[in-house]
PDB file of N, CA and C in Angstrom:
ATOM      1  N   UNK A   1     -17.176  10.951  15.958  1.00  0.00           N
ATOM      2  CA  UNK A   1     -18.375  10.400  16.546  1.00  0.00           C
ATOM      3  C   UNK A   1     -18.276   8.882  16.531  1.00  0.00           C
ATOM      4  N   UNK A   2     -18.539   8.269  17.653  1.00  0.00           N
ATOM      5  CA  UNK A   2     -18.483   6.815  17.773  1.00  0.00           C
ATOM      6  C   UNK A   2     -19.801   6.237  17.310  1.00  0.00           C
ATOM      7  N   UNK A   3     -19.720   5.251  16.452  1.00  0.00           N
ATOM      8  CA  UNK A   3     -20.909   4.567  15.957  1.00  0.00           C
ATOM      9  C   UNK A   3     -20.811   3.117  16.393  1.00  0.00           C
ATOM     10  N   UNK A   4     -21.959   2.538  16.780  1.00  0.00           N
ATOM     11  CA  UNK A   4     -21.974   1.184  17.340  1.00  0.00           C
ATOM     12  C   UNK A   4     -21.339   0.162  16.408  1.00  0.00           C
ATOM     13  N   UNK A   5     -21.529   0.305  15.115  1.00  0.00           N
ATOM     14  CA  UNK A   5     -20.965  -0.689  14.195  1.00  0.00           C
ATOM     15  C   UNK A   5     -19.439  -0.581  14.093  1.00  0.00           C
ATOM     16  N   UNK A   6     -18.860   0.470  14.643  1.00  0.00           N
ATOM     17  CA  UNK A   6     -17.406   0.621  14.663  1.00  0.00           C
ATOM     18  C   UNK A   6     -16.763  -0.154  15.813  1.00  0.00           C
ATOM     19  N   UNK A   7     -17.570  -0.657  16.739  1.00  0.00           N
ATOM     20  CA  UNK A   7     -17.061  -1.317  17.933  1.00  0.00           C
ATOM     21  C   UNK A   7     -16.155  -2.504  17.618  1.00  0.00           C
ATOM     22  N   UNK A   8     -16.536  -3.431  16.731  1.00  0.00           N
ATOM     23  CA  UNK A   8     -15.619  -4.546  16.448  1.00  0.00           C
ATOM     24  C   UNK A   8     -14.269  -4.076  15.903  1.00  0.00           C
ATOM     25  N   UNK A   9     -14.291  -3.089  15.041  1.00  0.00           N
ATOM     26  CA  UNK A   9     -13.036  -2.568  14.494  1.00  0.00           C
ATOM     27  C   UNK A   9     -12.215  -1.909  15.601  1.00  0.00           C
ATOM     28  N   UNK A  10     -12.872  -1.172  16.485  1.00  0.00           N
ATOM     29  CA  UNK A  10     -12.185  -0.522  17.599  1.00  0.00           C
ATOM     30  C   UNK A  10     -11.536  -1.562  18.512  1.00  0.00           C
ATOM     31  N   UNK A  11     -12.265  -2.615  18.816  1.00  0.00           N
ATOM     32  CA  UNK A  11     -11.725  -3.677  19.679  1.00  0.00           C
ATOM     33  C   UNK A  11     -10.532  -4.334  19.000  1.00  0.00           C
ATOM     34  N   UNK A  12     -10.667  -4.595  17.693  1.00  0.00           N
ATOM     35  CA  UNK A  12      -9.568  -5.206  16.945  1.00  0.00           C
ATOM     36  C   UNK A  12      -8.334  -4.306  16.973  1.00  0.00           C
ATOM     37  N   UNK A  13      -8.528  -3.008  16.786  1.00  0.00           N
ATOM     38  CA  UNK A  13      -7.408  -2.069  16.822  1.00  0.00           C
ATOM     39  C   UNK A  13      -6.759  -2.020  18.196  1.00  0.00           C
ATOM     40  N   UNK A  14      -7.564  -2.025  19.247  1.00  0.00           N
ATOM     41  CA  UNK A  14      -7.016  -2.000  20.605  1.00  0.00           C
ATOM     42  C   UNK A  14      -6.210  -3.262  20.888  1.00  0.00           C
ATOM     43  N   UNK A  15      -6.708  -4.410  20.433  1.00  0.00           N
ATOM     44  CA  UNK A  15      -5.958  -5.663  20.629  1.00  0.00           C
ATOM     45  C   UNK A  15      -4.643  -5.632  19.862  1.00  0.00           C
ATOM     46  N   UNK A  16      -4.684  -5.078  18.658  1.00  0.00           N
ATOM     47  CA  UNK A  16      -3.456  -4.958  17.867  1.00  0.00           C
ATOM     48  C   UNK A  16      -2.447  -4.059  18.576  1.00  0.00           C
ATOM     49  N   UNK A  17      -2.922  -2.932  19.096  1.00  0.00           N
ATOM     50  CA  UNK A  17      -2.040  -2.000  19.808  1.00  0.00           C
ATOM     51  C   UNK A  17      -1.451  -2.675  21.042  1.00  0.00           C
ATOM     52  N   UNK A  18      -2.285  -3.402  21.777  1.00  0.00           N
ATOM     53  CA  UNK A  18      -1.799  -4.095  22.974  1.00  0.00           C
ATOM     54  C   UNK A  18      -0.711  -5.100  22.610  1.00  0.00           C
ATOM     55  N   UNK A  19      -0.945  -5.904  21.564  1.00  0.00           N
ATOM     56  CA  UNK A  19       0.055  -6.891  21.144  1.00  0.00           C
ATOM     57  C   UNK A  19       1.320  -6.201  20.661  1.00  0.00           C
ATOM     58  N   UNK A  20       1.161  -5.099  19.944  1.00  0.00           N
ATOM     59  CA  UNK A  20       2.326  -4.358  19.453  1.00  0.00           C
ATOM     60  C   UNK A  20       3.150  -3.815  20.608  1.00  0.00           C
ATOM     61  N   UNK A  21       2.467  -3.271  21.591  1.00  0.00           N
ATOM     62  CA  UNK A  21       3.182  -2.734  22.761  1.00  0.00           C
ATOM     63  C   UNK A  21       3.923  -3.841  23.496  1.00  0.00           C
ATOM     64  N   UNK A  22       3.289  -4.998  23.643  1.00  0.00           N
ATOM     65  CA  UNK A  22       3.956  -6.107  24.310  1.00  0.00           C
ATOM     66  C   UNK A  22       5.187  -6.544  23.526  1.00  0.00           C
ATOM     67  N   UNK A  23       5.043  -6.579  22.209  1.00  0.00           N
ATOM     68  CA  UNK A  23       6.172  -6.987  21.377  1.00  0.00           C
ATOM     69  C   UNK A  23       7.303  -5.964  21.452  1.00  0.00           C
ATOM     70  N   UNK A  24       6.937  -4.679  21.433  1.00  0.00           N
ATOM     71  CA  UNK A  24       7.940  -3.617  21.457  1.00  0.00           C
ATOM     72  C   UNK A  24       8.622  -3.546  22.815  1.00  0.00           C
ATOM     73  N   UNK A  25       7.847  -3.640  23.874  1.00  0.00           N
ATOM     74  CA  UNK A  25       8.397  -3.479  25.213  1.00  0.00           C
ATOM     75  C   UNK A  25       9.107  -4.738  25.711  1.00  0.00           C
ATOM     76  N   UNK A  26       8.774  -5.838  25.135  1.00  0.00           N
ATOM     77  CA  UNK A  26       9.428  -7.076  25.535  1.00  0.00           C
ATOM     78  C   UNK A  26       8.942  -7.547  26.889  1.00  0.00           C
ATOM     79  N   UNK A  27       9.730  -8.316  27.522  1.00  0.00           N
ATOM     80  CA  UNK A  27       9.367  -8.941  28.801  1.00  0.00           C
ATOM     81  C   UNK A  27       9.093  -7.961  29.919  1.00  0.00           C
ATOM     82  N   UNK A  28       9.150  -8.435  31.110  1.00  0.00           N
ATOM     83  CA  UNK A  28       8.839  -7.656  32.300  1.00  0.00           C
ATOM     84  C   UNK A  28       9.909  -6.605  32.563  1.00  0.00           C
ATOM     85  N   UNK A  29       9.431  -5.439  32.998  1.00  0.00           N
ATOM     86  CA  UNK A  29      10.377  -4.367  33.317  1.00  0.00           C
ATOM     87  C   UNK A  29      10.452  -4.148  34.825  1.00  0.00           C
ATOM     88  N   UNK A  30       9.894  -5.082  35.599  1.00  0.00           N
ATOM     89  CA  UNK A  30       9.867  -4.906  37.051  1.00  0.00           C
ATOM     90  C   UNK A  30      11.257  -4.936  37.658  1.00  0.00           C
ATOM     91  N   UNK A  31      12.197  -5.600  36.998  1.00  0.00           N
ATOM     92  CA  UNK A  31      13.527  -5.767  37.561  1.00  0.00           C
ATOM     93  C   UNK A  31      14.407  -4.540  37.321  1.00  0.00           C
ATOM     94  N   UNK A  32      13.975  -3.608  36.484  1.00  0.00           N
ATOM     95  CA  UNK A  32      14.791  -2.440  36.141  1.00  0.00           C
ATOM     96  C   UNK A  32      14.344  -1.230  36.958  1.00  0.00           C
ATOM     97  N   UNK A  33      15.233  -0.270  37.065  1.00  0.00           N
ATOM     98  CA  UNK A  33      14.898   0.953  37.787  1.00  0.00           C
ATOM     99  C   UNK A  33      14.011   1.832  36.904  1.00  0.00           C
ATOM    100  N   UNK A  34      13.352   2.784  37.534  1.00  0.00           N
ATOM    101  CA  UNK A  34      12.463   3.676  36.782  1.00  0.00           C
ATOM    102  C   UNK A  34      13.201   4.447  35.694  1.00  0.00           C
ATOM    103  N   UNK A  35      14.374   4.994  35.965  1.00  0.00           N
ATOM    104  CA  UNK A  35      15.076   5.704  34.882  1.00  0.00           C
ATOM    105  C   UNK A  35      15.369   4.795  33.691  1.00  0.00           C
ATOM    106  N   UNK A  36      15.743   3.547  33.976  1.00  0.00           N
ATOM    107  CA  UNK A  36      16.002   2.607  32.886  1.00  0.00           C
ATOM    108  C   UNK A  36      14.720   2.305  32.114  1.00  0.00           C
ATOM    109  N   UNK A  37      13.617   2.128  32.858  1.00  0.00           N
ATOM    110  CA  UNK A  37      12.332   1.861  32.215  1.00  0.00           C
ATOM    111  C   UNK A  37      11.913   3.034  31.326  1.00  0.00           C
ATOM    112  N   UNK A  38      12.077   4.255  31.856  1.00  0.00           N
ATOM    113  CA  UNK A  38      11.708   5.433  31.068  1.00  0.00           C
ATOM    114  C   UNK A  38      12.585   5.572  29.827  1.00  0.00           C
ATOM    115  N   UNK A  39      13.861   5.274  29.988  1.00  0.00           N
ATOM    116  CA  UNK A  39      14.780   5.358  28.849  1.00  0.00           C
ATOM    117  C   UNK A  39      14.355   4.370  27.761  1.00  0.00           C
ATOM    118  N   UNK A  40      14.026   3.137  28.172  1.00  0.00           N
ATOM    119  CA  UNK A  40      13.581   2.136  27.207  1.00  0.00           C
ATOM    120  C   UNK A  40      12.278   2.575  26.535  1.00  0.00           C
ATOM    121  N   UNK A  41      11.363   3.079  27.343  1.00  0.00           N
ATOM    122  CA  UNK A  41      10.101   3.545  26.782  1.00  0.00           C
ATOM    123  C   UNK A  41      10.321   4.692  25.792  1.00  0.00           C
ATOM    124  N   UNK A  42      11.180   5.636  26.171  1.00  0.00           N
ATOM    125  CA  UNK A  42      11.477   6.751  25.273  1.00  0.00           C
ATOM    126  C   UNK A  42      12.083   6.252  23.962  1.00  0.00           C
ATOM    127  N   UNK A  43      12.993   5.304  24.066  1.00  0.00           N
ATOM    128  CA  UNK A  43      13.614   4.738  22.864  1.00  0.00           C
ATOM    129  C   UNK A  43      12.575   4.061  21.978  1.00  0.00           C
ATOM    130  N   UNK A  44      11.714   3.272  22.592  1.00  0.00           N
ATOM    131  CA  UNK A  44      10.682   2.561  21.831  1.00  0.00           C
ATOM    132  C   UNK A  44       9.695   3.541  21.200  1.00  0.00           C
ATOM    133  N   UNK A  45       9.305   4.562  21.960  1.00  0.00           N
ATOM    134  CA  UNK A  45       8.390   5.572  21.418  1.00  0.00           C
ATOM    135  C   UNK A  45       9.043   6.293  20.246  1.00  0.00           C
ATOM    136  N   UNK A  46      10.316   6.605  20.382  1.00  0.00           N
ATOM    137  CA  UNK A  46      11.037   7.270  19.290  1.00  0.00           C
ATOM    138  C   UNK A  46      11.073   6.375  18.057  1.00  0.00           C
ATOM    139  N   UNK A  47      11.286   5.088  18.265  1.00  0.00           N
ATOM    140  CA  UNK A  47      11.274   4.142  17.144  1.00  0.00           C
ATOM    141  C   UNK A  47       9.900   4.124  16.471  1.00  0.00           C
ATOM    142  N   UNK A  48       8.842   4.102  17.283  1.00  0.00           N
ATOM    143  CA  UNK A  48       7.484   4.102  16.739  1.00  0.00           C
ATOM    144  C   UNK A  48       7.193   5.385  15.975  1.00  0.00           C
ATOM    145  N   UNK A  49       7.627   6.506  16.523  1.00  0.00           N
ATOM    146  CA  UNK A  49       7.421   7.793  15.855  1.00  0.00           C
ATOM    147  C   UNK A  49       8.149   7.807  14.515  1.00  0.00           C
ATOM    148  N   UNK A  50       9.376   7.321  14.507  1.00  0.00           N
ATOM    149  CA  UNK A  50      10.146   7.284  13.266  1.00  0.00           C
ATOM    150  C   UNK A  50       9.499   6.348  12.250  1.00  0.00           C
ATOM    151  N   UNK A  51       9.023   5.211  12.727  1.00  0.00           N
ATOM    152  CA  UNK A  51       8.332   4.271  11.839  1.00  0.00           C
ATOM    153  C   UNK A  51       7.090   4.921  11.249  1.00  0.00           C
ATOM    154  N   UNK A  52       6.341   5.633  12.078  1.00  0.00           N
ATOM    155  CA  UNK A  52       5.148   6.336  11.577  1.00  0.00           C
ATOM    156  C   UNK A  52       5.522   7.371  10.523  1.00  0.00           C
ATOM    157  N   UNK A  53       6.577   8.126  10.781  1.00  0.00           N
ATOM    158  CA  UNK A  53       7.031   9.116   9.803  1.00  0.00           C
ATOM    159  C   UNK A  53       7.437   8.452   8.487  1.00  0.00           C
ATOM    160  N   UNK A  54       8.161   7.349   8.608  1.00  0.00           N
ATOM    161  CA  UNK A  54       8.593   6.620   7.409  1.00  0.00           C
ATOM    162  C   UNK A  54       7.385   6.113   6.624  1.00  0.00           C
ATOM    163  N   UNK A  55       6.412   5.575   7.349  1.00  0.00           N
ATOM    164  CA  UNK A  55       5.208   5.068   6.682  1.00  0.00           C
ATOM    165  C   UNK A  55       4.406   6.191   6.029  1.00  0.00           C
ATOM    166  N   UNK A  56       4.328   7.332   6.708  1.00  0.00           N
ATOM    167  CA  UNK A  56       3.620   8.475   6.129  1.00  0.00           C
ATOM    168  C   UNK A  56       4.330   8.964   4.867  1.00  0.00           C
ATOM    169  N   UNK A  57       5.638   8.976   4.904  1.00  0.00           N
ATOM    170  CA  UNK A  57       6.403   9.395   3.740  1.00  0.00           C
ATOM    171  C   UNK A  57       6.205   8.402   2.590  1.00  0.00           C
ATOM    172  N   UNK A  58       6.231   7.115   2.904  1.00  0.00           N
ATOM    173  CA  UNK A  58       5.997   6.096   1.882  1.00  0.00           C
ATOM    174  C   UNK A  58       4.590   6.226   1.314  1.00  0.00           C
ATOM    175  N   UNK A  59       3.624   6.486   2.184  1.00  0.00           N
ATOM    176  CA  UNK A  59       2.237   6.662   1.738  1.00  0.00           C
ATOM    177  C   UNK A  59       2.131   7.853   0.798  1.00  0.00           C
ATOM    178  N   UNK A  60       2.770   8.946   1.154  1.00  0.00           N
ATOM    179  CA  UNK A  60       2.741  10.135   0.299  1.00  0.00           C
ATOM    180  C   UNK A  60       3.356   9.837  -1.068  1.00  0.00           C
ATOM    181  N   UNK A  61       4.453   9.105  -1.061  1.00  0.00           N
ATOM    182  CA  UNK A  61       5.090   8.722  -2.317  1.00  0.00           C
ATOM    183  C   UNK A  61       4.181   7.855  -3.165  1.00  0.00           C
ATOM    184  N   UNK A  62       3.507   6.905  -2.515  1.00  0.00           N
ATOM    185  CA  UNK A  62       2.599   6.023  -3.242  1.00  0.00           C
ATOM    186  C   UNK A  62       1.383   6.791  -3.773  1.00  0.00           C
ATOM    187  N   UNK A  63       0.882   7.735  -2.987  1.00  0.00           N
ATOM    188  CA  UNK A  63      -0.248   8.550  -3.451  1.00  0.00           C
ATOM    189  C   UNK A  63       0.158   9.388  -4.666  1.00  0.00           C
ATOM    190  N   UNK A  64       1.377   9.922  -4.639  1.00  0.00           N
ATOM    191  CA  UNK A  64       1.865  10.696  -5.785  1.00  0.00           C
ATOM    192  C   UNK A  64       1.985   9.802  -7.016  1.00  0.00           C
ATOM    193  N   UNK A  65       2.468   8.588  -6.823  1.00  0.00           N
ATOM    194  CA  UNK A  65       2.602   7.641  -7.938  1.00  0.00           C
ATOM    195  C   UNK A  65       1.221   7.274  -8.490  1.00  0.00           C
ATOM    196  N   UNK A  66       0.250   7.074  -7.608  1.00  0.00           N
ATOM    197  CA  UNK A  66      -1.122   6.776  -8.047  1.00  0.00           C
ATOM    198  C   UNK A  66      -1.664   7.927  -8.877  1.00  0.00           C
ATOM    199  N   UNK A  67      -1.463   9.156  -8.404  1.00  0.00           N
ATOM    200  CA  UNK A  67      -1.929  10.340  -9.124  1.00  0.00           C
ATOM    201  C   UNK A  67      -1.292  10.394 -10.515  1.00  0.00           C
ATOM    202  N   UNK A  68       0.008  10.125 -10.562  1.00  0.00           N
ATOM    203  CA  UNK A  68       0.732  10.136 -11.840  1.00  0.00           C
ATOM    204  C   UNK A  68       0.189   9.062 -12.780  1.00  0.00           C
ATOM    205  N   UNK A  69      -0.005   7.856 -12.251  1.00  0.00           N
ATOM    206  CA  UNK A  69      -0.504   6.753 -13.072  1.00  0.00           C
ATOM    207  C   UNK A  69      -1.936   7.001 -13.546  1.00  0.00           C
ATOM    208  N   UNK A  70      -2.754   7.611 -12.688  1.00  0.00           N
ATOM    209  CA  UNK A  70      -4.118   7.939 -13.103  1.00  0.00           C
ATOM    210  C   UNK A  70      -4.104   8.954 -14.239  1.00  0.00           C
ATOM    211  N   UNK A  71      -3.203   9.930 -14.180  1.00  0.00           N
ATOM    212  CA  UNK A  71      -3.067  10.906 -15.258  1.00  0.00           C
ATOM    213  C   UNK A  71      -2.639  10.244 -16.554  1.00  0.00           C
ATOM    214  N   UNK A  72      -1.668   9.335 -16.453  1.00  0.00           N
ATOM    215  CA  UNK A  72      -1.206   8.605 -17.633  1.00  0.00           C
ATOM    216  C   UNK A  72      -2.341   7.769 -18.218  1.00  0.00           C
ATOM    217  N   UNK A  73      -3.106   7.122 -17.347  1.00  0.00           N
ATOM    218  CA  UNK A  73      -4.233   6.308 -17.801  1.00  0.00           C
ATOM    219  C   UNK A  73      -5.282   7.164 -18.508  1.00  0.00           C
ATOM    220  N   UNK A  74      -5.599   8.326 -17.948  1.00  0.00           N
ATOM    221  CA  UNK A  74      -6.570   9.224 -18.584  1.00  0.00           C
ATOM    222  C   UNK A  74      -6.092   9.647 -19.966  1.00  0.00           C
ATOM    223  N   UNK A  75      -4.811   9.953 -20.074  1.00  0.00           N
ATOM    224  CA  UNK A  75      -4.247  10.349 -21.361  1.00  0.00           C
ATOM    225  C   UNK A  75      -4.368   9.210 -22.370  1.00  0.00           C
ATOM    226  N   UNK A  76      -4.038   8.005 -21.941  1.00  0.00           N
ATOM    227  CA  UNK A  76      -4.108   6.852 -22.834  1.00  0.00           C
ATOM    228  C   UNK A  76      -5.547   6.524 -23.212  1.00  0.00           C
ATOM    229  N   UNK A  77      -6.460   6.664 -22.271  1.00  0.00           N
ATOM    230  CA  UNK A  77      -7.873   6.419 -22.581  1.00  0.00           C
ATOM    231  C   UNK A  77      -8.397   7.435 -23.590  1.00  0.00           C
ATOM    232  N   UNK A  78      -7.986   8.690 -23.432  1.00  0.00           N
ATOM    233  CA  UNK A  78      -8.397   9.726 -24.379  1.00  0.00           C
ATOM    234  C   UNK A  78      -7.828   9.439 -25.764  1.00  0.00           C
ATOM    235  N   UNK A  79      -6.578   9.017 -25.830  1.00  0.00           N
ATOM    236  CA  UNK A  79      -5.952   8.683 -27.115  1.00  0.00           C
ATOM    237  C   UNK A  79      -6.655   7.484 -27.749  1.00  0.00           C
ATOM    238  N   UNK A  80      -7.001   6.510 -26.942  1.00  0.00           N
ATOM    239  CA  UNK A  80      -7.703   5.334 -27.453  1.00  0.00           C
ATOM    240  C   UNK A  80      -9.086   5.724 -27.988  1.00  0.00           C
ATOM    241  N   UNK A  81      -9.780   6.593 -27.267  1.00  0.00           N
ATOM    242  CA  UNK A  81     -11.094   7.070 -27.714  1.00  0.00           C
ATOM    243  C   UNK A  81     -10.956   7.812 -29.044  1.00  0.00           C
ATOM    244  N   UNK A  82      -9.946   8.654 -29.142  1.00  0.00           N
ATOM    245  CA  UNK A  82      -9.700   9.405 -30.383  1.00  0.00           C
ATOM    246  C   UNK A  82      -9.409   8.440 -31.526  1.00  0.00           C
ATOM    247  N   UNK A  83      -8.605   7.426 -31.259  1.00  0.00           N
ATOM    248  CA  UNK A  83      -8.261   6.433 -32.275  1.00  0.00           C
ATOM    249  C   UNK A  83      -9.524   5.699 -32.744  1.00  0.00           C
ATOM    250  N   UNK A  84     -10.394   5.308 -31.817  1.00  0.00           N
ATOM    251  CA  UNK A  84     -11.625   4.597 -32.167  1.00  0.00           C
ATOM    252  C   UNK A  84     -12.531   5.479 -33.019  1.00  0.00           C
ATOM    253  N   UNK A  85     -12.635   6.755 -32.658  1.00  0.00           N
ATOM    254  CA  UNK A  85     -13.456   7.685 -33.447  1.00  0.00           C
ATOM    255  C   UNK A  85     -12.873   7.868 -34.839  1.00  0.00           C
ATOM    256  N   UNK A  86     -11.564   8.001 -34.910  1.00  0.00           N
ATOM    257  CA  UNK A  86     -10.894   8.166 -36.197  1.00  0.00           C
ATOM    258  C   UNK A  86     -11.075   6.928 -37.064  1.00  0.00           C
ATOM    259  N   UNK A  87     -10.943   5.762 -36.470  1.00  0.00           N
ATOM    260  CA  UNK A  87     -11.121   4.506 -37.192  1.00  0.00           C
ATOM    261  C   UNK A  87     -12.554   4.394 -37.733  1.00  0.00           C
ATOM    262  N   UNK A  88     -13.503   4.776 -36.923  1.00  0.00           N
ATOM    263  CA  UNK A  88     -14.907   4.744 -37.346  1.00  0.00           C
ATOM    264  C   UNK A  88     -15.142   5.704 -38.503  1.00  0.00           C
ATOM    265  N   UNK A  89     -14.583   6.898 -38.422  1.00  0.00           N
ATOM    266  CA  UNK A  89     -14.735   7.893 -39.478  1.00  0.00           C
ATOM    267  C   UNK A  89     -14.105   7.394 -40.782  1.00  0.00           C
ATOM    268  N   UNK A  90     -12.925   6.797 -40.714  1.00  0.00           N
ATOM    269  CA  UNK A  90     -12.246   6.272 -41.896  1.00  0.00           C
ATOM    270  C   UNK A  90     -13.079   5.149 -42.513  1.00  0.00           C
ATOM    271  N   UNK A  91     -13.590   4.261 -41.664  1.00  0.00           N
ATOM    272  CA  UNK A  91     -14.443   3.184 -42.166  1.00  0.00           C
ATOM    273  C   UNK A  91     -15.672   3.715 -42.868  1.00  0.00           C
ATOM    274  N   UNK A  92     -16.264   4.739 -42.300  1.00  0.00           N
ATOM    275  CA  UNK A  92     -17.445   5.364 -42.903  1.00  0.00           C
ATOM    276  C   UNK A  92     -17.099   5.987 -44.258  1.00  0.00           C
ATOM    277  N   UNK A  93     -15.961   6.663 -44.336  1.00  0.00           N
ATOM    278  CA  UNK A  93     -15.544   7.274 -45.596  1.00  0.00           C
ATOM    279  C   UNK A  93     -15.254   6.205 -46.648  1.00  0.00           C
ATOM    280  N   UNK A  94     -14.625   5.104 -46.259  1.00  0.00           N
ATOM    281  CA  UNK A  94     -14.344   4.010 -47.197  1.00  0.00           C
ATOM    282  C   UNK A  94     -15.655   3.440 -47.731  1.00  0.00           C
ATOM    283  N   UNK A  95     -16.607   3.205 -46.833  1.00  0.00           N
ATOM    284  CA  UNK A  95     -17.902   2.684 -47.263  1.00  0.00           C
ATOM    285  C   UNK A  95     -18.611   3.652 -48.208  1.00  0.00           C
ATOM    286  N   UNK A  96     -18.503   4.940 -47.924  1.00  0.00           N
ATOM    287  CA  UNK A  96     -19.116   5.957 -48.773  1.00  0.00           C
ATOM    288  C   UNK A  96     -18.464   5.954 -50.154  1.00  0.00           C
ATOM    289  N   UNK A  97     -17.129   5.878 -50.195  1.00  0.00           N
ATOM    290  CA  UNK A  97     -16.430   5.839 -51.485  1.00  0.00           C
ATOM    291  C   UNK A  97     -16.770   4.576 -52.269  1.00  0.00           C
ATOM    292  N   UNK A  98     -16.846   3.438 -51.581  1.00  0.00           N
ATOM    293  CA  UNK A  98     -17.226   2.191 -52.261  1.00  0.00           C
ATOM    294  C   UNK A  98     -18.638   2.280 -52.810  1.00  0.00           C
ATOM    295  N   UNK A  99     -19.488   2.897 -52.074  1.00  0.00           N
ATOM    296  CA  UNK A  99     -20.869   3.079 -52.515  1.00  0.00           C
ATOM    297  C   UNK A  99     -20.920   3.964 -53.761  1.00  0.00           C
ATOM    298  N   UNK A 100     -20.136   5.030 -53.781  1.00  0.00           N
ATOM    299  CA  UNK A 100     -20.090   5.920 -54.952  1.00  0.00           C
ATOM    300  C   UNK A 100     -19.508   5.193 -56.158  1.00  0.00           C
ATOM    301  N   UNK A 101     -18.473   4.363 -55.926  1.00  0.00           N
ATOM    302  CA  UNK A 101     -17.904   3.577 -57.020  1.00  0.00           C
ATOM    303  C   UNK A 101     -18.931   2.606 -57.586  1.00  0.00           C
ATOM    304  N   UNK A 102     -19.687   1.970 -56.705  1.00  0.00           N
ATOM    305  CA  UNK A 102     -20.738   1.052 -57.169  1.00  0.00           C
ATOM    306  C   UNK A 102     -21.772   1.794 -58.011  1.00  0.00           C
ATOM    307  N   UNK A 103     -22.078   3.025 -57.639  1.00  0.00           N
ATOM    308  CA  UNK A 103     -23.055   3.806 -58.420  1.00  0.00           C
ATOM    309  C   UNK A 103     -22.497   4.141 -59.795  1.00  0.00           C
ATOM    310  N   UNK A 104     -21.214   4.484 -59.872  1.00  0.00           N
ATOM    311  CA  UNK A 104     -20.589   4.852 -61.131  1.00  0.00           C
ATOM    312  C   UNK A 104     -20.401   3.610 -62.015  1.00  0.00           C
ATOM    313  N   UNK A 105     -19.884   2.554 -61.446  1.00  0.00           N
ATOM    314  CA  UNK A 105     -19.571   1.347 -62.223  1.00  0.00           C
ATOM    315  C   UNK A 105     -20.772   0.432 -62.402  1.00  0.00           C
ATOM    316  N   UNK A 106     -21.756   0.585 -61.582  1.00  0.00           N
ATOM    317  CA  UNK A 106     -22.938  -0.261 -61.651  1.00  0.00           C
ATOM    318  C   UNK A 106     -22.710  -1.537 -60.883  1.00  0.00           C
ATOM    319  N   UNK A 107     -23.804  -2.200 -60.548  1.00  0.00           N
ATOM    320  CA  UNK A 107     -23.676  -3.461 -59.792  1.00  0.00           C
ATOM    321  C   UNK A 107     -23.102  -4.553 -60.667  1.00  0.00           C
ATOM    322  N   UNK A 108     -22.369  -5.463 -60.079  1.00  0.00           N
ATOM    323  CA  UNK A 108     -21.757  -6.574 -60.837  1.00  0.00           C
ATOM    324  C   UNK A 108     -22.665  -7.745 -60.909  1.00  0.00           C
TER     325      UNK A 108
END
């Protein structure tokens, strides 16, 4: 569904595509025969298709790496949380033992 606020982005994308096509196709093709023009176009389209495939493959690899890193981060965050809880519990036990010692030995 087209939304009015998408118009600037759409125009920007169309301008990018136009510039890309001009860059890929190069100068004027009026001097060449139709078979030569079609051959060049086919070659350029094949290059674009291959580039798209390469980019999709790279994207998939990066998404897999992100997933892996997020899993590692979750594991480390859980370990850190466990460590903080353990540290708090140990501190509480130390304070409790010191308090019991003060009761036995009396205040200084």
